[in-house]
Amino acid sequence: MTTSLPLLVDDLCCAPLGLDPLDAASSAQLAQAFKALSDPVRLRLLSIIAAAPSGEVCACDLTAPVGKSQPTVSHHLKVLREAGLVTSRKHGTWVHYRAVPEQLAALRQVLAMEMRAGT
């Protein structure tokens, strides 16, 4: 006959993380954002946009820094926009892009959570 004893933290292979796991919707949204950033051109585009002193960058100013054609840059910007990493607004014939601070903060939080769990 076995009796159940309370499980002690010392009995576990690892101490509990004490972190709330992501829900399914948040996981899907963040995975899409991380997937978008897995391309070096998109990562560079986002870094240029996020670092812009005015807070936004015209698409016309993004081709030279990444060394890609305008259609290629537009495609990458579309992926970033669909992932919720940037927003766009039309200004005449040009489109201006701005980073989404809340989405960047969510990505940083997930990365920081992983770093805390690894310590």
PDB file of N, CA and C in Angstrom:
ATOM      1  N   MET A   1       0.844  -1.164   0.000  1.00  0.00           N
ATOM      2  CA  MET A   1       0.000   0.000   0.000  1.00  0.00           C
ATOM      3  C   MET A   1       0.898   1.240   0.000  1.00  0.00           C
ATOM      4  N   THR A   2       0.615   2.139  -0.933  1.00  0.00           N
ATOM      5  CA  THR A   2       1.408   3.363  -1.000  1.00  0.00           C
ATOM      6  C   THR A   2       0.586   4.520  -0.478  1.00  0.00           C
ATOM      7  N   THR A   3       1.261   5.424   0.145  1.00  0.00           N
ATOM      8  CA  THR A   3       0.604   6.633   0.622  1.00  0.00           C
ATOM      9  C   THR A   3       1.185   7.798  -0.144  1.00  0.00           C
ATOM     10  N   SER A   4       0.353   8.764  -0.427  1.00  0.00           N
ATOM     11  CA  SER A   4       0.861   9.923  -1.155  1.00  0.00           C
ATOM     12  C   SER A   4       1.377  10.937  -0.154  1.00  0.00           C
ATOM     13  N   LEU A   5       2.573  11.359  -0.400  1.00  0.00           N
ATOM     14  CA  LEU A   5       3.203  12.354   0.451  1.00  0.00           C
ATOM     15  C   LEU A   5       3.236  13.673  -0.289  1.00  0.00           C
ATOM     16  N   PRO A   6       3.212  14.778   0.401  1.00  0.00           N
ATOM     17  CA  PRO A   6       3.308  16.065  -0.297  1.00  0.00           C
ATOM     18  C   PRO A   6       4.643  16.166  -1.026  1.00  0.00           C
ATOM     19  N   LEU A   7       4.577  16.680  -2.227  1.00  0.00           N
ATOM     20  CA  LEU A   7       5.785  16.852  -3.040  1.00  0.00           C
ATOM     21  C   LEU A   7       6.503  18.117  -2.576  1.00  0.00           C
ATOM     22  N   LEU A   8       7.729  17.980  -2.221  1.00  0.00           N
ATOM     23  CA  LEU A   8       8.525  19.103  -1.753  1.00  0.00           C
ATOM     24  C   LEU A   8       9.358  19.651  -2.897  1.00  0.00           C
ATOM     25  N   VAL A   9       9.682  20.918  -2.835  1.00  0.00           N
ATOM     26  CA  VAL A   9      10.506  21.538  -3.869  1.00  0.00           C
ATOM     27  C   VAL A   9      11.830  20.803  -3.995  1.00  0.00           C
ATOM     28  N   ASP A  10      12.383  20.344  -2.885  1.00  0.00           N
ATOM     29  CA  ASP A  10      13.658  19.621  -2.917  1.00  0.00           C
ATOM     30  C   ASP A  10      13.553  18.314  -3.685  1.00  0.00           C
ATOM     31  N   ASP A  11      12.317  17.776  -3.802  1.00  0.00           N
ATOM     32  CA  ASP A  11      12.117  16.524  -4.515  1.00  0.00           C
ATOM     33  C   ASP A  11      12.067  16.712  -6.025  1.00  0.00           C
ATOM     34  N   LEU A  12      11.908  17.927  -6.466  1.00  0.00           N
ATOM     35  CA  LEU A  12      11.831  18.212  -7.899  1.00  0.00           C
ATOM     36  C   LEU A  12      13.230  18.269  -8.488  1.00  0.00           C
ATOM     37  N   CYS A  13      13.320  17.957  -9.771  1.00  0.00           N
ATOM     38  CA  CYS A  13      14.634  18.049 -10.411  1.00  0.00           C
ATOM     39  C   CYS A  13      15.080  19.504 -10.530  1.00  0.00           C
ATOM     40  N   CYS A  14      14.138  20.400 -10.671  1.00  0.00           N
ATOM     41  CA  CYS A  14      14.440  21.828 -10.814  1.00  0.00           C
ATOM     42  C   CYS A  14      13.431  22.624 -10.000  1.00  0.00           C
ATOM     43  N   ALA A  15      13.839  23.760  -9.549  1.00  0.00           N
ATOM     44  CA  ALA A  15      12.922  24.637  -8.833  1.00  0.00           C
ATOM     45  C   ALA A  15      11.907  25.210  -9.818  1.00  0.00           C
ATOM     46  N   PRO A  16      10.689  25.457  -9.368  1.00  0.00           N
ATOM     47  CA  PRO A  16       9.692  26.064 -10.262  1.00  0.00           C
ATOM     48  C   PRO A  16      10.185  27.406 -10.780  1.00  0.00           C
ATOM     49  N   LEU A  17       9.819  27.700 -12.008  1.00  0.00           N
ATOM     50  CA  LEU A  17      10.277  28.937 -12.628  1.00  0.00           C
ATOM     51  C   LEU A  17       9.586  30.162 -12.049  1.00  0.00           C
ATOM     52  N   GLY A  18       8.353  30.010 -11.637  1.00  0.00           N
ATOM     53  CA  GLY A  18       7.633  31.153 -11.093  1.00  0.00           C
ATOM     54  C   GLY A  18       7.224  32.144 -12.162  1.00  0.00           C
ATOM     55  N   LEU A  19       7.216  31.713 -13.414  1.00  0.00           N
ATOM     56  CA  LEU A  19       6.834  32.590 -14.511  1.00  0.00           C
ATOM     57  C   LEU A  19       5.532  32.096 -15.118  1.00  0.00           C
ATOM     58  N   ASP A  20       4.665  33.014 -15.482  1.00  0.00           N
ATOM     59  CA  ASP A  20       3.421  32.627 -16.129  1.00  0.00           C
ATOM     60  C   ASP A  20       3.697  32.265 -17.575  1.00  0.00           C
ATOM     61  N   PRO A  21       3.189  31.125 -18.015  1.00  0.00           N
ATOM     62  CA  PRO A  21       3.388  30.757 -19.425  1.00  0.00           C
ATOM     63  C   PRO A  21       2.526  31.618 -20.327  1.00  0.00           C
ATOM     64  N   LEU A  22       2.924  31.713 -21.578  1.00  0.00           N
ATOM     65  CA  LEU A  22       2.154  32.459 -22.568  1.00  0.00           C
ATOM     66  C   LEU A  22       0.897  31.690 -22.928  1.00  0.00           C
ATOM     67  N   ASP A  23      -0.182  32.410 -23.192  1.00  0.00           N
ATOM     68  CA  ASP A  23      -1.383  31.740 -23.680  1.00  0.00           C
ATOM     69  C   ASP A  23      -1.214  31.454 -25.172  1.00  0.00           C
ATOM     70  N   ALA A  24      -2.120  30.689 -25.736  1.00  0.00           N
ATOM     71  CA  ALA A  24      -2.000  30.251 -27.133  1.00  0.00           C
ATOM     72  C   ALA A  24      -2.000  31.429 -28.105  1.00  0.00           C
ATOM     73  N   ALA A  25      -2.871  32.399 -27.886  1.00  0.00           N
ATOM     74  CA  ALA A  25      -2.952  33.541 -28.805  1.00  0.00           C
ATOM     75  C   ALA A  25      -1.674  34.377 -28.771  1.00  0.00           C
ATOM     76  N   SER A  26      -1.175  34.635 -27.580  1.00  0.00           N
ATOM     77  CA  SER A  26       0.067  35.412 -27.450  1.00  0.00           C
ATOM     78  C   SER A  26       1.233  34.661 -28.067  1.00  0.00           C
ATOM     79  N   SER A  27       1.274  33.355 -27.849  1.00  0.00           N
ATOM     80  CA  SER A  27       2.348  32.537 -28.425  1.00  0.00           C
ATOM     81  C   SER A  27       2.337  32.614 -29.944  1.00  0.00           C
ATOM     82  N   ALA A  28       1.154  32.517 -30.532  1.00  0.00           N
ATOM     83  CA  ALA A  28       1.044  32.567 -31.992  1.00  0.00           C
ATOM     84  C   ALA A  28       1.477  33.925 -32.533  1.00  0.00           C
ATOM     85  N   GLN A  29       1.041  34.990 -31.873  1.00  0.00           N
ATOM     86  CA  GLN A  29       1.394  36.343 -32.325  1.00  0.00           C
ATOM     87  C   GLN A  29       2.896  36.590 -32.203  1.00  0.00           C
ATOM     88  N   LEU A  30       3.473  36.200 -31.083  1.00  0.00           N
ATOM     89  CA  LEU A  30       4.902  36.412 -30.882  1.00  0.00           C
ATOM     90  C   LEU A  30       5.735  35.518 -31.796  1.00  0.00           C
ATOM     91  N   ALA A  31       5.264  34.318 -32.054  1.00  0.00           N
ATOM     92  CA  ALA A  31       5.983  33.428 -32.976  1.00  0.00           C
ATOM     93  C   ALA A  31       6.027  34.029 -34.371  1.00  0.00           C
ATOM     94  N   GLN A  32       4.924  34.644 -34.795  1.00  0.00           N
ATOM     95  CA  GLN A  32       4.898  35.296 -36.105  1.00  0.00           C
ATOM     96  C   GLN A  32       5.906  36.450 -36.134  1.00  0.00           C
ATOM     97  N   ALA A  33       5.996  37.190 -35.060  1.00  0.00           N
ATOM     98  CA  ALA A  33       6.947  38.305 -35.005  1.00  0.00           C
ATOM     99  C   ALA A  33       8.383  37.796 -35.024  1.00  0.00           C
ATOM    100  N   PHE A  34       8.675  36.764 -34.238  1.00  0.00           N
ATOM    101  CA  PHE A  34      10.030  36.210 -34.241  1.00  0.00           C
ATOM    102  C   PHE A  34      10.367  35.616 -35.610  1.00  0.00           C
ATOM    103  N   LYS A  35       9.393  34.987 -36.241  1.00  0.00           N
ATOM    104  CA  LYS A  35       9.617  34.427 -37.582  1.00  0.00           C
ATOM    105  C   LYS A  35       9.944  35.547 -38.564  1.00  0.00           C
ATOM    106  N   ALA A  36       9.220  36.651 -38.481  1.00  0.00           N
ATOM    107  CA  ALA A  36       9.486  37.789 -39.364  1.00  0.00           C
ATOM    108  C   ALA A  36      10.897  38.311 -39.169  1.00  0.00           C
ATOM    109  N   LEU A  37      11.371  38.279 -37.934  1.00  0.00           N
ATOM    110  CA  LEU A  37      12.706  38.799 -37.632  1.00  0.00           C
ATOM    111  C   LEU A  37      13.821  37.802 -37.914  1.00  0.00           C
ATOM    112  N   SER A  38      13.456  36.600 -38.353  1.00  0.00           N
ATOM    113  CA  SER A  38      14.492  35.601 -38.646  1.00  0.00           C
ATOM    114  C   SER A  38      15.219  35.886 -39.956  1.00  0.00           C
ATOM    115  N   ASP A  39      14.728  36.835 -40.717  1.00  0.00           N
ATOM    116  CA  ASP A  39      15.398  37.239 -41.956  1.00  0.00           C
ATOM    117  C   ASP A  39      16.297  38.439 -41.658  1.00  0.00           C
ATOM    118  N   PRO A  40      17.570  38.380 -42.049  1.00  0.00           N
ATOM    119  CA  PRO A  40      18.500  39.483 -41.737  1.00  0.00           C
ATOM    120  C   PRO A  40      18.075  40.832 -42.319  1.00  0.00           C
ATOM    121  N   VAL A  41      17.476  40.836 -43.494  1.00  0.00           N
ATOM    122  CA  VAL A  41      17.043  42.107 -44.092  1.00  0.00           C
ATOM    123  C   VAL A  41      15.917  42.713 -43.264  1.00  0.00           C
ATOM    124  N   ARG A  42      14.960  41.892 -42.855  1.00  0.00           N
ATOM    125  CA  ARG A  42      13.847  42.417 -42.047  1.00  0.00           C
ATOM    126  C   ARG A  42      14.331  42.886 -40.682  1.00  0.00           C
ATOM    127  N   LEU A  43      15.246  42.157 -40.096  1.00  0.00           N
ATOM    128  CA  LEU A  43      15.800  42.572 -38.811  1.00  0.00           C
ATOM    129  C   LEU A  43      16.495  43.922 -38.945  1.00  0.00           C
ATOM    130  N   ARG A  44      17.243  44.084 -40.015  1.00  0.00           N
ATOM    131  CA  ARG A  44      17.935  45.362 -40.258  1.00  0.00           C
ATOM    132  C   ARG A  44      16.929  46.486 -40.512  1.00  0.00           C
ATOM    133  N   LEU A  45      15.909  46.208 -41.321  1.00  0.00           N
ATOM    134  CA  LEU A  45      14.891  47.228 -41.583  1.00  0.00           C
ATOM    135  C   LEU A  45      14.222  47.675 -40.282  1.00  0.00           C
ATOM    136  N   LEU A  46      13.865  46.721 -39.438  1.00  0.00           N
ATOM    137  CA  LEU A  46      13.230  47.090 -38.178  1.00  0.00           C
ATOM    138  C   LEU A  46      14.173  47.907 -37.312  1.00  0.00           C
ATOM    139  N   SER A  47      15.443  47.554 -37.287  1.00  0.00           N
ATOM    140  CA  SER A  47      16.388  48.313 -36.464  1.00  0.00           C
ATOM    141  C   SER A  47      16.547  49.747 -36.978  1.00  0.00           C
ATOM    142  N   ILE A  48      16.526  49.911 -38.297  1.00  0.00           N
ATOM    143  CA  ILE A  48      16.623  51.258 -38.883  1.00  0.00           C
ATOM    144  C   ILE A  48      15.393  52.075 -38.520  1.00  0.00           C
ATOM    145  N   ILE A  49      14.229  51.463 -38.649  1.00  0.00           N
ATOM    146  CA  ILE A  49      12.978  52.163 -38.352  1.00  0.00           C
ATOM    147  C   ILE A  49      12.900  52.509 -36.864  1.00  0.00           C
ATOM    148  N   ALA A  50      13.220  51.545 -36.015  1.00  0.00           N
ATOM    149  CA  ALA A  50      13.130  51.775 -34.569  1.00  0.00           C
ATOM    150  C   ALA A  50      14.124  52.823 -34.085  1.00  0.00           C
ATOM    151  N   ALA A  51      15.254  52.963 -34.784  1.00  0.00           N
ATOM    152  CA  ALA A  51      16.285  53.917 -34.367  1.00  0.00           C
ATOM    153  C   ALA A  51      16.107  55.301 -34.990  1.00  0.00           C
ATOM    154  N   ALA A  52      15.117  55.470 -35.834  1.00  0.00           N
ATOM    155  CA  ALA A  52      14.924  56.749 -36.520  1.00  0.00           C
ATOM    156  C   ALA A  52      14.650  57.867 -35.520  1.00  0.00           C
ATOM    157  N   PRO A  53      15.404  58.951 -35.602  1.00  0.00           N
ATOM    158  CA  PRO A  53      15.212  60.068 -34.666  1.00  0.00           C
ATOM    159  C   PRO A  53      13.792  60.634 -34.691  1.00  0.00           C
ATOM    160  N   SER A  54      13.172  60.656 -35.873  1.00  0.00           N
ATOM    161  CA  SER A  54      11.815  61.197 -35.974  1.00  0.00           C
ATOM    162  C   SER A  54      10.750  60.173 -35.600  1.00  0.00           C
ATOM    163  N   GLY A  55      11.156  58.926 -35.410  1.00  0.00           N
ATOM    164  CA  GLY A  55      10.206  57.884 -35.054  1.00  0.00           C
ATOM    165  C   GLY A  55       9.622  57.148 -36.238  1.00  0.00           C
ATOM    166  N   GLU A  56       9.862  57.665 -37.441  1.00  0.00           N
ATOM    167  CA  GLU A  56       9.375  56.981 -38.631  1.00  0.00           C
ATOM    168  C   GLU A  56      10.320  57.197 -39.800  1.00  0.00           C
ATOM    169  N   VAL A  57      10.203  56.294 -40.783  1.00  0.00           N
ATOM    170  CA  VAL A  57      11.091  56.343 -41.938  1.00  0.00           C
ATOM    171  C   VAL A  57      10.252  56.138 -43.191  1.00  0.00           C
ATOM    172  N   CYS A  58      10.558  56.919 -44.216  1.00  0.00           N
ATOM    173  CA  CYS A  58       9.916  56.749 -45.510  1.00  0.00           C
ATOM    174  C   CYS A  58      10.501  55.506 -46.186  1.00  0.00           C
ATOM    175  N   ALA A  59       9.654  54.732 -46.829  1.00  0.00           N
ATOM    176  CA  ALA A  59      10.109  53.533 -47.536  1.00  0.00           C
ATOM    177  C   ALA A  59      11.193  53.870 -48.549  1.00  0.00           C
ATOM    178  N   CYS A  60      11.138  55.058 -49.117  1.00  0.00           N
ATOM    179  CA  CYS A  60      12.128  55.462 -50.122  1.00  0.00           C
ATOM    180  C   CYS A  60      13.535  55.558 -49.534  1.00  0.00           C
ATOM    181  N   ASP A  61      13.626  55.721 -48.210  1.00  0.00           N
ATOM    182  CA  ASP A  61      14.929  55.835 -47.554  1.00  0.00           C
ATOM    183  C   ASP A  61      15.462  54.500 -47.038  1.00  0.00           C
ATOM    184  N   LEU A  62      14.778  53.416 -47.340  1.00  0.00           N
ATOM    185  CA  LEU A  62      15.183  52.119 -46.800  1.00  0.00           C
ATOM    186  C   LEU A  62      15.881  51.211 -47.804  1.00  0.00           C
ATOM    187  N   THR A  63      15.842  51.564 -49.079  1.00  0.00           N
ATOM    188  CA  THR A  63      16.458  50.686 -50.086  1.00  0.00           C
ATOM    189  C   THR A  63      17.987  50.734 -50.015  1.00  0.00           C
ATOM    190  N   ALA A  64      18.558  51.920 -49.928  1.00  0.00           N
ATOM    191  CA  ALA A  64      20.017  52.047 -49.927  1.00  0.00           C
ATOM    192  C   ALA A  64      20.673  51.373 -48.711  1.00  0.00           C
ATOM    193  N   PRO A  65      20.174  51.584 -47.486  1.00  0.00           N
ATOM    194  CA  PRO A  65      20.847  50.978 -46.337  1.00  0.00           C
ATOM    195  C   PRO A  65      20.895  49.447 -46.365  1.00  0.00           C
ATOM    196  N   VAL A  66      19.889  48.821 -46.966  1.00  0.00           N
ATOM    197  CA  VAL A  66      19.887  47.349 -46.994  1.00  0.00           C
ATOM    198  C   VAL A  66      20.364  46.790 -48.330  1.00  0.00           C
ATOM    199  N   GLY A  67      20.581  47.677 -49.302  1.00  0.00           N
ATOM    200  CA  GLY A  67      21.105  47.241 -50.602  1.00  0.00           C
ATOM    201  C   GLY A  67      20.165  46.352 -51.379  1.00  0.00           C
ATOM    202  N   LYS A  68      18.862  46.585 -51.246  1.00  0.00           N
ATOM    203  CA  LYS A  68      17.859  45.794 -51.953  1.00  0.00           C
ATOM    204  C   LYS A  68      16.986  46.704 -52.794  1.00  0.00           C
ATOM    205  N   SER A  69      16.339  46.122 -53.775  1.00  0.00           N
ATOM    206  CA  SER A  69      15.457  46.895 -54.649  1.00  0.00           C
ATOM    207  C   SER A  69      14.205  47.331 -53.895  1.00  0.00           C
ATOM    208  N   GLN A  70      13.522  48.320 -54.450  1.00  0.00           N
ATOM    209  CA  GLN A  70      12.307  48.834 -53.821  1.00  0.00           C
ATOM    210  C   GLN A  70      11.240  47.736 -53.683  1.00  0.00           C
ATOM    211  N   PRO A  71      10.990  46.898 -54.713  1.00  0.00           N
ATOM    212  CA  PRO A  71       9.992  45.841 -54.533  1.00  0.00           C
ATOM    213  C   PRO A  71      10.369  44.846 -53.426  1.00  0.00           C
ATOM    214  N   THR A  72      11.653  44.535 -53.305  1.00  0.00           N
ATOM    215  CA  THR A  72      12.101  43.611 -52.267  1.00  0.00           C
ATOM    216  C   THR A  72      11.909  44.222 -50.883  1.00  0.00           C
ATOM    217  N   VAL A  73      12.280  45.485 -50.740  1.00  0.00           N
ATOM    218  CA  VAL A  73      12.100  46.176 -49.463  1.00  0.00           C
ATOM    219  C   VAL A  73      10.615  46.259 -49.122  1.00  0.00           C
ATOM    220  N   SER A  74       9.784  46.547 -50.105  1.00  0.00           N
ATOM    221  CA  SER A  74       8.336  46.610 -49.867  1.00  0.00           C
ATOM    222  C   SER A  74       7.797  45.274 -49.375  1.00  0.00           C
ATOM    223  N   HIS A  75       8.283  44.195 -49.960  1.00  0.00           N
ATOM    224  CA  HIS A  75       7.857  42.861 -49.511  1.00  0.00           C
ATOM    225  C   HIS A  75       8.245  42.637 -48.048  1.00  0.00           C
ATOM    226  N   HIS A  76       9.481  42.960 -47.712  1.00  0.00           N
ATOM    227  CA  HIS A  76       9.937  42.769 -46.335  1.00  0.00           C
ATOM    228  C   HIS A  76       9.154  43.650 -45.358  1.00  0.00           C
ATOM    229  N   LEU A  77       8.847  44.864 -45.762  1.00  0.00           N
ATOM    230  CA  LEU A  77       8.065  45.757 -44.909  1.00  0.00           C
ATOM    231  C   LEU A  77       6.648  45.214 -44.709  1.00  0.00           C
ATOM    232  N   LYS A  78       6.098  44.603 -45.738  1.00  0.00           N
ATOM    233  CA  LYS A  78       4.771  43.991 -45.628  1.00  0.00           C
ATOM    234  C   LYS A  78       4.792  42.869 -44.589  1.00  0.00           C
ATOM    235  N   VAL A  79       5.829  42.048 -44.601  1.00  0.00           N
ATOM    236  CA  VAL A  79       5.954  40.963 -43.623  1.00  0.00           C
ATOM    237  C   VAL A  79       6.056  41.541 -42.207  1.00  0.00           C
ATOM    238  N   LEU A  80       6.848  42.580 -42.036  1.00  0.00           N
ATOM    239  CA  LEU A  80       6.978  43.223 -40.724  1.00  0.00           C
ATOM    240  C   LEU A  80       5.643  43.819 -40.271  1.00  0.00           C
ATOM    241  N   ARG A  81       4.917  44.409 -41.201  1.00  0.00           N
ATOM    242  CA  ARG A  81       3.614  45.004 -40.875  1.00  0.00           C
ATOM    243  C   ARG A  81       2.615  43.914 -40.480  1.00  0.00           C
ATOM    244  N   GLU A  82       2.587  42.819 -41.235  1.00  0.00           N
ATOM    245  CA  GLU A  82       1.665  41.719 -40.934  1.00  0.00           C
ATOM    246  C   GLU A  82       1.993  41.051 -39.600  1.00  0.00           C
ATOM    247  N   ALA A  83       3.247  41.104 -39.203  1.00  0.00           N
ATOM    248  CA  ALA A  83       3.667  40.539 -37.915  1.00  0.00           C
ATOM    249  C   ALA A  83       3.407  41.505 -36.759  1.00  0.00           C
ATOM    250  N   GLY A  84       2.914  42.696 -37.063  1.00  0.00           N
ATOM    251  CA  GLY A  84       2.609  43.670 -36.026  1.00  0.00           C
ATOM    252  C   GLY A  84       3.805  44.419 -35.490  1.00  0.00           C
ATOM    253  N   LEU A  85       4.928  44.348 -36.215  1.00  0.00           N
ATOM    254  CA  LEU A  85       6.149  45.003 -35.745  1.00  0.00           C
ATOM    255  C   LEU A  85       6.249  46.459 -36.183  1.00  0.00           C
ATOM    256  N   VAL A  86       5.609  46.793 -37.294  1.00  0.00           N
ATOM    257  CA  VAL A  86       5.603  48.172 -37.780  1.00  0.00           C
ATOM    258  C   VAL A  86       4.187  48.537 -38.219  1.00  0.00           C
ATOM    259  N   THR A  87       3.931  49.831 -38.223  1.00  0.00           N
ATOM    260  CA  THR A  87       2.708  50.359 -38.809  1.00  0.00           C
ATOM    261  C   THR A  87       3.125  51.246 -39.973  1.00  0.00           C
ATOM    262  N   SER A  88       2.180  51.515 -40.846  1.00  0.00           N
ATOM    263  CA  SER A  88       2.494  52.370 -41.989  1.00  0.00           C
ATOM    264  C   SER A  88       1.397  53.407 -42.166  1.00  0.00           C
ATOM    265  N   ARG A  89       1.809  54.519 -42.754  1.00  0.00           N
ATOM    266  CA  ARG A  89       0.838  55.553 -43.114  1.00  0.00           C
ATOM    267  C   ARG A  89       1.280  56.147 -44.433  1.00  0.00           C
ATOM    268  N   LYS A  90       0.316  56.417 -45.252  1.00  0.00           N
ATOM    269  CA  LYS A  90       0.607  56.974 -46.565  1.00  0.00           C
ATOM    270  C   LYS A  90       0.720  58.491 -46.438  1.00  0.00           C
ATOM    271  N   HIS A  91       1.746  59.030 -47.050  1.00  0.00           N
ATOM    272  CA  HIS A  91       1.980  60.478 -47.065  1.00  0.00           C
ATOM    273  C   HIS A  91       2.228  60.855 -48.517  1.00  0.00           C
ATOM    274  N   GLY A  92       1.196  61.295 -49.199  1.00  0.00           N
ATOM    275  CA  GLY A  92       1.306  61.554 -50.639  1.00  0.00           C
ATOM    276  C   GLY A  92       1.482  60.232 -51.372  1.00  0.00           C
ATOM    277  N   THR A  93       2.553  60.134 -52.147  1.00  0.00           N
ATOM    278  CA  THR A  93       2.818  58.885 -52.870  1.00  0.00           C
ATOM    279  C   THR A  93       3.723  57.954 -52.079  1.00  0.00           C
ATOM    280  N   TRP A  94       4.215  58.404 -50.945  1.00  0.00           N
ATOM    281  CA  TRP A  94       5.152  57.609 -50.156  1.00  0.00           C
ATOM    282  C   TRP A  94       4.486  56.990 -48.945  1.00  0.00           C
ATOM    283  N   VAL A  95       5.083  55.921 -48.460  1.00  0.00           N
ATOM    284  CA  VAL A  95       4.599  55.251 -47.262  1.00  0.00           C
ATOM    285  C   VAL A  95       5.673  55.386 -46.181  1.00  0.00           C
ATOM    286  N   HIS A  96       5.252  55.795 -45.008  1.00  0.00           N
ATOM    287  CA  HIS A  96       6.155  55.960 -43.878  1.00  0.00           C
ATOM    288  C   HIS A  96       5.887  54.850 -42.868  1.00  0.00           C
ATOM    289  N   TYR A  97       6.964  54.333 -42.300  1.00  0.00           N
ATOM    290  CA  TYR A  97       6.880  53.209 -41.363  1.00  0.00           C
ATOM    291  C   TYR A  97       7.354  53.623 -39.987  1.00  0.00           C
ATOM    292  N   ARG A  98       6.679  53.069 -38.991  1.00  0.00           N
ATOM    293  CA  ARG A  98       6.973  53.350 -37.584  1.00  0.00           C
ATOM    294  C   ARG A  98       6.949  52.021 -36.828  1.00  0.00           C
ATOM    295  N   ALA A  99       7.903  51.821 -35.925  1.00  0.00           N
ATOM    296  CA  ALA A  99       7.934  50.603 -35.102  1.00  0.00           C
ATOM    297  C   ALA A  99       6.775  50.635 -34.110  1.00  0.00           C
ATOM    298  N   VAL A 100       6.303  49.463 -33.715  1.00  0.00           N
ATOM    299  CA  VAL A 100       5.235  49.334 -32.725  1.00  0.00           C
ATOM    300  C   VAL A 100       5.888  49.011 -31.383  1.00  0.00           C
ATOM    301  N   PRO A 101       6.013  50.013 -30.510  1.00  0.00           N
ATOM    302  CA  PRO A 101       6.739  49.822 -29.251  1.00  0.00           C
ATOM    303  C   PRO A 101       6.189  48.688 -28.386  1.00  0.00           C
ATOM    304  N   GLU A 102       4.870  48.522 -28.364  1.00  0.00           N
ATOM    305  CA  GLU A 102       4.279  47.472 -27.528  1.00  0.00           C
ATOM    306  C   GLU A 102       4.697  46.078 -28.000  1.00  0.00           C
ATOM    307  N   GLN A 103       4.781  45.911 -29.316  1.00  0.00           N
ATOM    308  CA  GLN A 103       5.174  44.602 -29.849  1.00  0.00           C
ATOM    309  C   GLN A 103       6.662  44.344 -29.564  1.00  0.00           C
ATOM    310  N   LEU A 104       7.479  45.367 -29.712  1.00  0.00           N
ATOM    311  CA  LEU A 104       8.902  45.218 -29.397  1.00  0.00           C
ATOM    312  C   LEU A 104       9.098  44.914 -27.915  1.00  0.00           C
ATOM    313  N   ALA A 105       8.312  45.555 -27.066  1.00  0.00           N
ATOM    314  CA  ALA A 105       8.393  45.302 -25.626  1.00  0.00           C
ATOM    315  C   ALA A 105       7.978  43.866 -25.308  1.00  0.00           C
ATOM    316  N   ALA A 106       6.968  43.356 -25.992  1.00  0.00           N
ATOM    317  CA  ALA A 106       6.528  41.976 -25.768  1.00  0.00           C
ATOM    318  C   ALA A 106       7.625  40.985 -26.164  1.00  0.00           C
ATOM    319  N   LEU A 107       8.317  41.263 -27.268  1.00  0.00           N
ATOM    320  CA  LEU A 107       9.423  40.400 -27.682  1.00  0.00           C
ATOM    321  C   LEU A 107      10.554  40.441 -26.663  1.00  0.00           C
ATOM    322  N   ARG A 108      10.877  41.646 -26.199  1.00  0.00           N
ATOM    323  CA  ARG A 108      11.926  41.787 -25.177  1.00  0.00           C
ATOM    324  C   ARG A 108      11.545  41.045 -23.905  1.00  0.00           C
ATOM    325  N   GLN A 109      10.278  41.113 -23.522  1.00  0.00           N
ATOM    326  CA  GLN A 109       9.831  40.460 -22.295  1.00  0.00           C
ATOM    327  C   GLN A 109       9.982  38.949 -22.402  1.00  0.00           C
ATOM    328  N   VAL A 110       9.629  38.381 -23.551  1.00  0.00           N
ATOM    329  CA  VAL A 110       9.778  36.936 -23.737  1.00  0.00           C
ATOM    330  C   VAL A 110      11.255  36.550 -23.682  1.00  0.00           C
ATOM    331  N   LEU A 111      12.104  37.331 -24.316  1.00  0.00           N
ATOM    332  CA  LEU A 111      13.543  37.027 -24.282  1.00  0.00           C
ATOM    333  C   LEU A 111      14.105  37.169 -22.877  1.00  0.00           C
ATOM    334  N   ALA A 112      13.671  38.176 -22.157  1.00  0.00           N
ATOM    335  CA  ALA A 112      14.134  38.375 -20.782  1.00  0.00           C
ATOM    336  C   ALA A 112      13.640  37.237 -19.894  1.00  0.00           C
ATOM    337  N   MET A 113      12.433  36.745 -20.151  1.00  0.00           N
ATOM    338  CA  MET A 113      11.887  35.634 -19.380  1.00  0.00           C
ATOM    339  C   MET A 113      12.750  34.396 -19.582  1.00  0.00           C
ATOM    340  N   GLU A 114      13.153  34.168 -20.818  1.00  0.00           N
ATOM    341  CA  GLU A 114      14.003  33.013 -21.111  1.00  0.00           C
ATOM    342  C   GLU A 114      15.364  33.171 -20.435  1.00  0.00           C
ATOM    343  N   MET A 115      15.880  34.384 -20.402  1.00  0.00           N
ATOM    344  CA  MET A 115      17.173  34.608 -19.767  1.00  0.00           C
ATOM    345  C   MET A 115      17.072  34.362 -18.263  1.00  0.00           C
ATOM    346  N   ARG A 116      15.980  34.815 -17.642  1.00  0.00           N
ATOM    347  CA  ARG A 116      15.798  34.600 -16.195  1.00  0.00           C
ATOM    348  C   ARG A 116      15.657  33.118 -15.889  1.00  0.00           C
ATOM    349  N   ALA A 117      14.950  32.397 -16.772  1.00  0.00           N
ATOM    350  CA  ALA A 117      14.754  30.968 -16.549  1.00  0.00           C
ATOM    351  C   ALA A 117      16.066  30.197 -16.655  1.00  0.00           C
ATOM    352  N   GLY A 118      16.994  30.703 -17.453  1.00  0.00           N
ATOM    353  CA  GLY A 118      18.260  30.024 -17.637  1.00  0.00           C
ATOM    354  C   GLY A 118      19.266  30.292 -16.537  1.00  0.00           C
ATOM    355  N   THR A 119      18.980  31.234 -15.668  1.00  0.00           N
ATOM    356  CA  THR A 119      19.941  31.555 -14.604  1.00  0.00           C
ATOM    357  C   THR A 119      19.735  30.714 -13.387  1.00  0.00           C
TER     358      THR A 119
END
